[in-house]
């Protein structure tokens, strides 16, 4: 299935099916319709089957150096999870052990959330 789906940008512009035109957002709608057009089986899995957070170095502010941050979540997600997720205890432990965690709040070393 991967070779049939990984040329998404090309498919977006060149696939002849009118069923793929004017789908709007989100991109997942296009992915699903393209899979149907290509007769590929698609299975939607629960969100907790996949890791929720990615930790990466990202340029959060245009004129500053990249910082290590959690991508794909917020403090609200951490404090009020919707299903299995990173717990506040795990977050604090990971942050305290990470040399690149440079943000301090009340003396506690934290990895910030990219979206905040």
Protein backbone atom coordinates (compact mmCIF):
# COMPACT_ATOMS: atom_id res chain seq x y z
CA UNK A 1 0.00 0.00 0.00
CA UNK A 2 2.83 2.44 0.77
CA UNK A 3 4.07 2.86 -2.83
CA UNK A 4 0.47 3.50 -3.93
CA UNK A 5 -0.06 6.23 -1.32
CA UNK A 6 3.29 7.94 -0.74
CA UNK A 7 3.17 10.17 -3.80
CA UNK A 8 0.43 12.27 -2.23
CA UNK A 9 1.44 15.64 -3.65
CA UNK A 10 1.54 14.21 -7.18
CA UNK A 11 -1.83 12.51 -6.63
CA UNK A 12 -3.28 15.76 -5.26
CA UNK A 13 -2.51 17.57 -8.50
CA UNK A 14 -2.75 14.84 -11.15
CA UNK A 15 -5.21 12.09 -10.15
CA UNK A 16 -7.98 12.14 -12.78
CA UNK A 17 -10.93 11.23 -10.52
CA UNK A 18 -13.38 14.10 -10.03
CA UNK A 19 -14.25 12.53 -6.65
CA UNK A 20 -10.96 13.93 -5.35
CA UNK A 21 -11.72 17.50 -6.40
CA UNK A 22 -12.80 20.18 -3.94
CA UNK A 23 -12.62 18.04 -0.80
CA UNK A 24 -11.36 20.88 1.36
CA UNK A 25 -9.76 20.16 4.73
CA UNK A 26 -8.67 18.09 6.57
CA UNK A 27 -6.16 16.23 4.45
CA UNK A 28 -7.30 12.93 5.99
CA UNK A 29 -10.46 13.16 3.86
CA UNK A 30 -8.28 13.25 0.74
CA UNK A 31 -6.18 10.32 2.00
CA UNK A 32 -9.30 8.23 2.62
CA UNK A 33 -10.87 9.03 -0.75
CA UNK A 34 -7.59 8.36 -2.56
CA UNK A 35 -7.33 4.96 -0.85
CA UNK A 36 -10.87 4.13 -2.02
CA UNK A 37 -10.02 5.23 -5.58
CA UNK A 38 -6.97 2.97 -5.52
CA UNK A 39 -8.99 0.11 -3.98
CA UNK A 40 -6.80 -0.02 -0.86
CA UNK A 41 -8.18 -1.29 2.42
CA UNK A 42 -8.14 1.41 5.07
CA UNK A 43 -8.45 0.80 8.79
CA UNK A 44 -8.83 3.70 11.17
CA UNK A 45 -7.19 2.86 14.46
CA UNK A 46 -7.82 4.37 17.89
CA UNK A 47 -5.61 7.33 18.69
CA UNK A 48 -3.95 5.54 21.59
CA UNK A 49 -2.44 2.97 19.19
CA UNK A 50 0.02 5.64 18.04
CA UNK A 51 2.35 7.82 20.08
CA UNK A 52 0.71 11.15 20.74
CA UNK A 53 3.76 13.31 21.30
CA UNK A 54 6.92 13.76 19.32
CA UNK A 55 9.90 15.48 20.89
CA UNK A 56 11.96 17.49 18.44
CA UNK A 57 14.06 20.57 18.03
CA UNK A 58 11.88 23.20 16.40
CA UNK A 59 12.24 26.88 15.61
CA UNK A 60 9.28 28.17 17.60
CA UNK A 61 10.07 31.85 17.17
CA UNK A 62 11.35 33.20 13.86
CA UNK A 63 14.38 35.03 15.25
CA UNK A 64 15.48 32.50 17.86
CA UNK A 65 17.41 29.24 17.77
CA UNK A 66 15.46 25.95 17.63
CA UNK A 67 14.39 24.56 21.01
CA UNK A 68 13.56 21.06 22.18
CA UNK A 69 9.78 20.80 22.56
CA UNK A 70 6.85 18.37 22.60
CA UNK A 71 4.97 18.59 19.31
CA UNK A 72 1.30 17.69 19.05
CA UNK A 73 0.06 18.50 22.51
CA UNK A 74 -0.55 21.18 25.06
CA UNK A 75 -0.48 21.51 28.82
CA UNK A 76 -4.28 21.03 28.72
CA UNK A 77 -3.80 17.65 26.99
CA UNK A 78 -1.30 16.68 29.67
CA UNK A 79 -3.55 17.68 32.56
CA UNK A 80 -6.82 16.39 31.04
CA UNK A 81 -5.93 13.41 28.79
CA UNK A 82 -8.54 11.79 26.54
CA UNK A 83 -7.45 8.18 26.90
CA UNK A 84 -3.98 6.67 27.45
CA UNK A 85 -1.43 9.44 27.22
CA UNK A 86 1.73 10.84 28.70
CA UNK A 87 1.08 11.37 32.41
CA UNK A 88 2.22 14.50 34.26
CA UNK A 89 4.58 12.29 36.27
CA UNK A 90 6.17 10.85 33.11
CA UNK A 91 6.44 14.35 31.63
CA UNK A 92 8.28 15.67 34.70
CA UNK A 93 10.60 12.65 34.79
CA UNK A 94 11.46 12.92 31.08
CA UNK A 95 11.99 16.67 31.41
CA UNK A 96 14.25 16.33 34.45
CA UNK A 97 16.48 13.78 32.69
CA UNK A 98 16.74 15.60 29.35
CA UNK A 99 19.91 17.73 29.01
CA UNK A 100 18.30 19.95 26.35
CA UNK A 101 15.26 20.81 28.52
CA UNK A 102 16.11 24.44 29.16
CA UNK A 103 12.85 25.93 30.35
CA UNK A 104 12.51 26.31 34.12
CA UNK A 105 9.26 26.93 35.98
CA UNK A 106 9.56 27.45 39.73
CA UNK A 107 12.95 25.72 39.66
CA UNK A 108 11.65 22.65 37.75
CA UNK A 109 13.28 21.81 34.42
CA UNK A 110 10.64 21.29 31.69
CA UNK A 111 10.44 20.53 28.00
CA UNK A 112 7.97 23.10 26.61
CA UNK A 113 5.11 22.33 24.22
CA UNK A 114 5.81 23.64 20.71
CA UNK A 115 2.23 24.87 20.22
CA UNK A 116 2.29 27.07 23.34
